[in-house]
Amino acid sequence: MAVPKELRDELLQAIRSDLLPFYLQLGCPCAFPRFRSLVEFYHENFQAGPVGCYETELLINECFRQGRACYRPVNSVKADDPRKMYECSVCSSRYVENYQDYSIVFYVSFMQTVADRAIKAGADVAEPFPLPMGLYWLDQSDADVFRSYFQQSSVADFMRYMKETRHA
């Protein structure tokens, strides 16, 4: 299922102009469990087959690969391991970028926290998690595992959810 370009562009603009500045004003994205849950989303943690999340891919690309937040590559995990390690310049938390290729056109990326040093500022994850773009999958039965965890939403609802603080 392809995501409409207009929706992707709207979400990307909201992340760049609103979400990331909000996180950096309060510290860093690491302090927000909902951000971390999304960038760490990996279908095998739910005992499901290959399922990816468009928002996960977008946030990993924007925050880690493109460096639009506070993450900088520090080195590879090991000399013979192509995965990259990133460090938050605010709290020094560290993440390893992982990916799984299932075909030439289907892969999933996810981050793995290897050093958590953030002081929590954001609200805990609450289900269902709103996603404007949603999930993609190879087999519908794998996607069905996530029906209670995620729901289709507007960009505005996603932004409100992602920016909720512990004290809200």
Protein backbone atom coordinates (compact mmCIF):
# COMPACT_ATOMS: atom_id res chain seq x y z
CA MET A 1 0.00 0.00 0.00
CA ALA A 2 1.53 3.26 -1.10
CA VAL A 3 1.18 6.33 1.08
CA PRO A 4 -0.13 9.45 -0.68
CA LYS A 5 2.72 11.91 -1.24
CA GLU A 6 0.64 14.75 0.22
CA LEU A 7 0.17 12.87 3.50
CA ARG A 8 3.87 11.97 3.72
CA ASP A 9 4.83 15.59 3.01
CA GLU A 10 2.38 16.92 5.61
CA LEU A 11 3.73 14.56 8.27
CA LEU A 12 7.34 15.29 7.35
CA GLN A 13 6.72 19.03 7.60
CA ALA A 14 5.02 18.61 11.00
CA ILE A 15 7.93 16.52 12.31
CA ARG A 16 10.55 19.01 11.09
CA SER A 17 8.80 22.23 12.11
CA ASP A 18 6.92 21.16 15.23
CA LEU A 19 7.79 17.78 16.77
CA LEU A 20 11.59 17.87 16.71
CA PRO A 21 11.84 21.50 17.92
CA PHE A 22 9.39 20.61 20.72
CA TYR A 23 11.52 17.65 21.83
CA LEU A 24 14.73 19.66 21.68
CA GLN A 25 13.18 22.48 23.69
CA LEU A 26 12.39 19.99 26.49
CA GLY A 27 15.65 18.04 26.17
CA CYS A 28 15.75 15.38 23.48
CA PRO A 29 13.52 12.81 21.74
CA CYS A 30 15.03 10.05 23.94
CA ALA A 31 13.03 11.45 26.87
CA PHE A 32 9.75 10.60 25.13
CA PRO A 33 8.72 6.93 25.41
CA ARG A 34 6.33 7.27 22.47
CA PHE A 35 9.14 8.43 20.18
CA ARG A 36 11.36 5.61 21.37
CA SER A 37 8.61 3.04 20.99
CA LEU A 38 8.05 4.13 17.42
CA VAL A 39 11.71 4.13 16.33
CA GLU A 40 12.20 0.79 18.10
CA PHE A 41 9.13 -0.84 16.48
CA TYR A 42 10.04 -4.32 15.26
CA HIS A 43 7.41 -6.87 14.34
CA GLU A 44 9.25 -9.83 15.91
CA ASN A 45 8.79 -8.19 19.33
CA PHE A 46 5.08 -8.91 18.80
CA GLN A 47 5.57 -12.49 17.52
CA ALA A 48 4.43 -11.39 14.06
CA GLY A 49 5.84 -11.88 10.60
CA PRO A 50 7.23 -9.03 8.50
CA VAL A 51 5.37 -5.80 9.23
CA GLY A 52 6.87 -2.34 8.90
CA CYS A 53 5.72 1.09 9.98
CA TYR A 54 5.99 4.11 7.70
CA GLU A 55 6.34 6.49 10.66
CA THR A 56 9.22 4.42 12.03
CA GLU A 57 11.05 4.63 8.71
CA LEU A 58 10.39 8.37 8.46
CA LEU A 59 11.61 9.15 11.99
CA ILE A 60 14.73 7.00 11.64
CA ASN A 61 15.58 8.71 8.38
CA GLU A 62 14.94 12.23 9.65
CA CYS A 63 16.39 11.97 13.15
CA PHE A 64 19.25 9.53 12.78
CA ARG A 65 20.35 9.19 9.13
CA GLN A 66 19.74 12.83 8.15
CA GLY A 67 20.81 14.22 11.53
CA ARG A 68 17.89 16.63 11.87
CA ALA A 69 17.61 16.00 15.60
CA CYS A 70 20.41 15.53 18.10
CA TYR A 71 21.77 12.16 16.95
CA ARG A 72 25.19 11.70 15.47
CA PRO A 73 26.87 8.55 14.20
CA VAL A 74 29.63 7.49 16.57
CA ASN A 75 30.93 4.35 14.87
CA SER A 76 29.96 0.96 13.57
CA VAL A 77 28.97 -1.66 16.06
CA LYS A 78 32.01 -3.78 15.15
CA ALA A 79 34.57 -3.65 12.37
CA ASP A 80 32.81 -6.40 10.40
CA ASP A 81 29.26 -5.20 11.21
CA PRO A 82 27.71 -2.68 8.77
CA ARG A 83 25.15 -1.42 11.30
CA LYS A 84 25.65 2.11 12.59
CA MET A 85 25.61 3.30 16.17
CA TYR A 86 24.21 6.74 17.00
CA GLU A 87 24.57 8.82 20.16
CA CYS A 88 22.27 11.54 21.42
CA SER A 89 24.28 14.74 21.89
CA VAL A 90 21.95 15.82 24.71
CA CYS A 91 21.66 12.78 27.01
CA SER A 92 24.31 10.40 25.54
CA SER A 93 21.83 7.56 24.99
CA ARG A 94 23.02 5.19 22.26
CA TYR A 95 21.13 3.36 19.56
CA VAL A 96 22.07 0.78 16.94
CA GLU A 97 20.32 0.90 13.58
CA ASN A 98 19.00 -2.49 12.50
CA TYR A 99 17.19 -3.62 9.39
CA GLN A 100 15.73 -6.74 7.85
CA ASP A 101 15.45 -7.29 4.11
CA TYR A 102 12.64 -9.58 3.01
CA SER A 103 12.70 -8.84 -0.71
CA ILE A 104 14.10 -6.28 -3.11
CA VAL A 105 11.13 -4.01 -2.33
CA PHE A 106 10.32 -4.92 1.28
CA TYR A 107 12.47 -4.15 4.31
CA VAL A 108 12.03 -2.83 7.82
CA SER A 109 14.33 -0.59 9.85
CA PHE A 110 14.34 -0.22 13.61
CA MET A 111 16.56 1.20 16.30
CA GLN A 112 17.78 -0.74 19.31
CA THR A 113 18.62 1.14 22.49
CA VAL A 114 22.00 0.00 23.79
CA ALA A 115 22.50 2.73 26.42
CA ASP A 116 19.52 4.56 27.93
CA ARG A 117 20.57 7.74 29.71
CA ALA A 118 17.49 9.91 29.16
CA ILE A 119 15.43 11.48 31.91
CA LYS A 120 11.83 10.75 30.99
CA ALA A 121 9.71 13.76 30.08
CA GLY A 122 7.07 12.28 27.78
CA ALA A 123 3.97 10.28 28.51
CA ASP A 124 4.01 6.49 28.42
CA VAL A 125 2.77 4.65 25.37
CA ALA A 126 -1.01 4.31 25.35
CA GLU A 127 -2.91 2.09 22.97
CA PRO A 128 -4.04 2.44 20.36
CA PHE A 129 -1.05 4.33 18.98
CA PRO A 130 -2.25 6.81 16.30
CA LEU A 131 -0.50 6.56 12.92
CA PRO A 132 -1.31 8.79 9.93
CA MET A 133 0.53 6.63 7.38
CA GLY A 134 0.33 3.28 9.11
CA LEU A 135 1.78 -0.16 8.61
CA TYR A 136 2.86 -2.20 5.59
CA TRP A 137 3.13 -5.98 5.38
CA LEU A 138 3.60 -9.03 3.23
CA ASP A 139 0.78 -11.11 4.75
CA GLN A 140 -2.51 -9.74 6.09
CA SER A 141 -2.48 -12.21 9.01
CA ASP A 142 0.72 -10.58 10.29
CA ALA A 143 -0.86 -7.13 10.08
CA ASP A 144 -3.91 -8.39 12.00
CA VAL A 145 -1.69 -8.89 15.08
CA PHE A 146 -1.46 -5.09 15.37
CA ARG A 147 -5.16 -4.17 15.18
CA SER A 148 -5.39 -3.30 18.89
CA TYR A 149 -1.98 -1.58 19.04
CA PHE A 150 -2.34 0.98 16.23
CA GLN A 151 -5.09 3.01 14.61
CA GLN A 152 -5.28 5.21 11.55
CA SER A 153 -5.24 8.89 12.55
CA SER A 154 -4.78 12.40 11.32
CA VAL A 155 -1.40 14.13 11.41
CA ALA A 156 -2.78 16.49 14.07
CA ASP A 157 -3.81 13.58 16.33
CA PHE A 158 -0.42 11.91 15.84
CA MET A 159 1.38 15.15 16.77
CA ARG A 160 -0.74 15.66 19.91
CA TYR A 161 -0.05 12.08 20.98
CA MET A 162 3.70 12.28 20.33
CA LYS A 163 4.04 15.58 22.22
CA GLU A 164 2.11 14.58 25.34
CA THR A 165 4.24 15.03 28.45
CA ARG A 166 4.18 13.14 31.74
CA HIS A 167 2.53 16.11 33.42
CA ALA A 168 -0.25 16.61 30.86
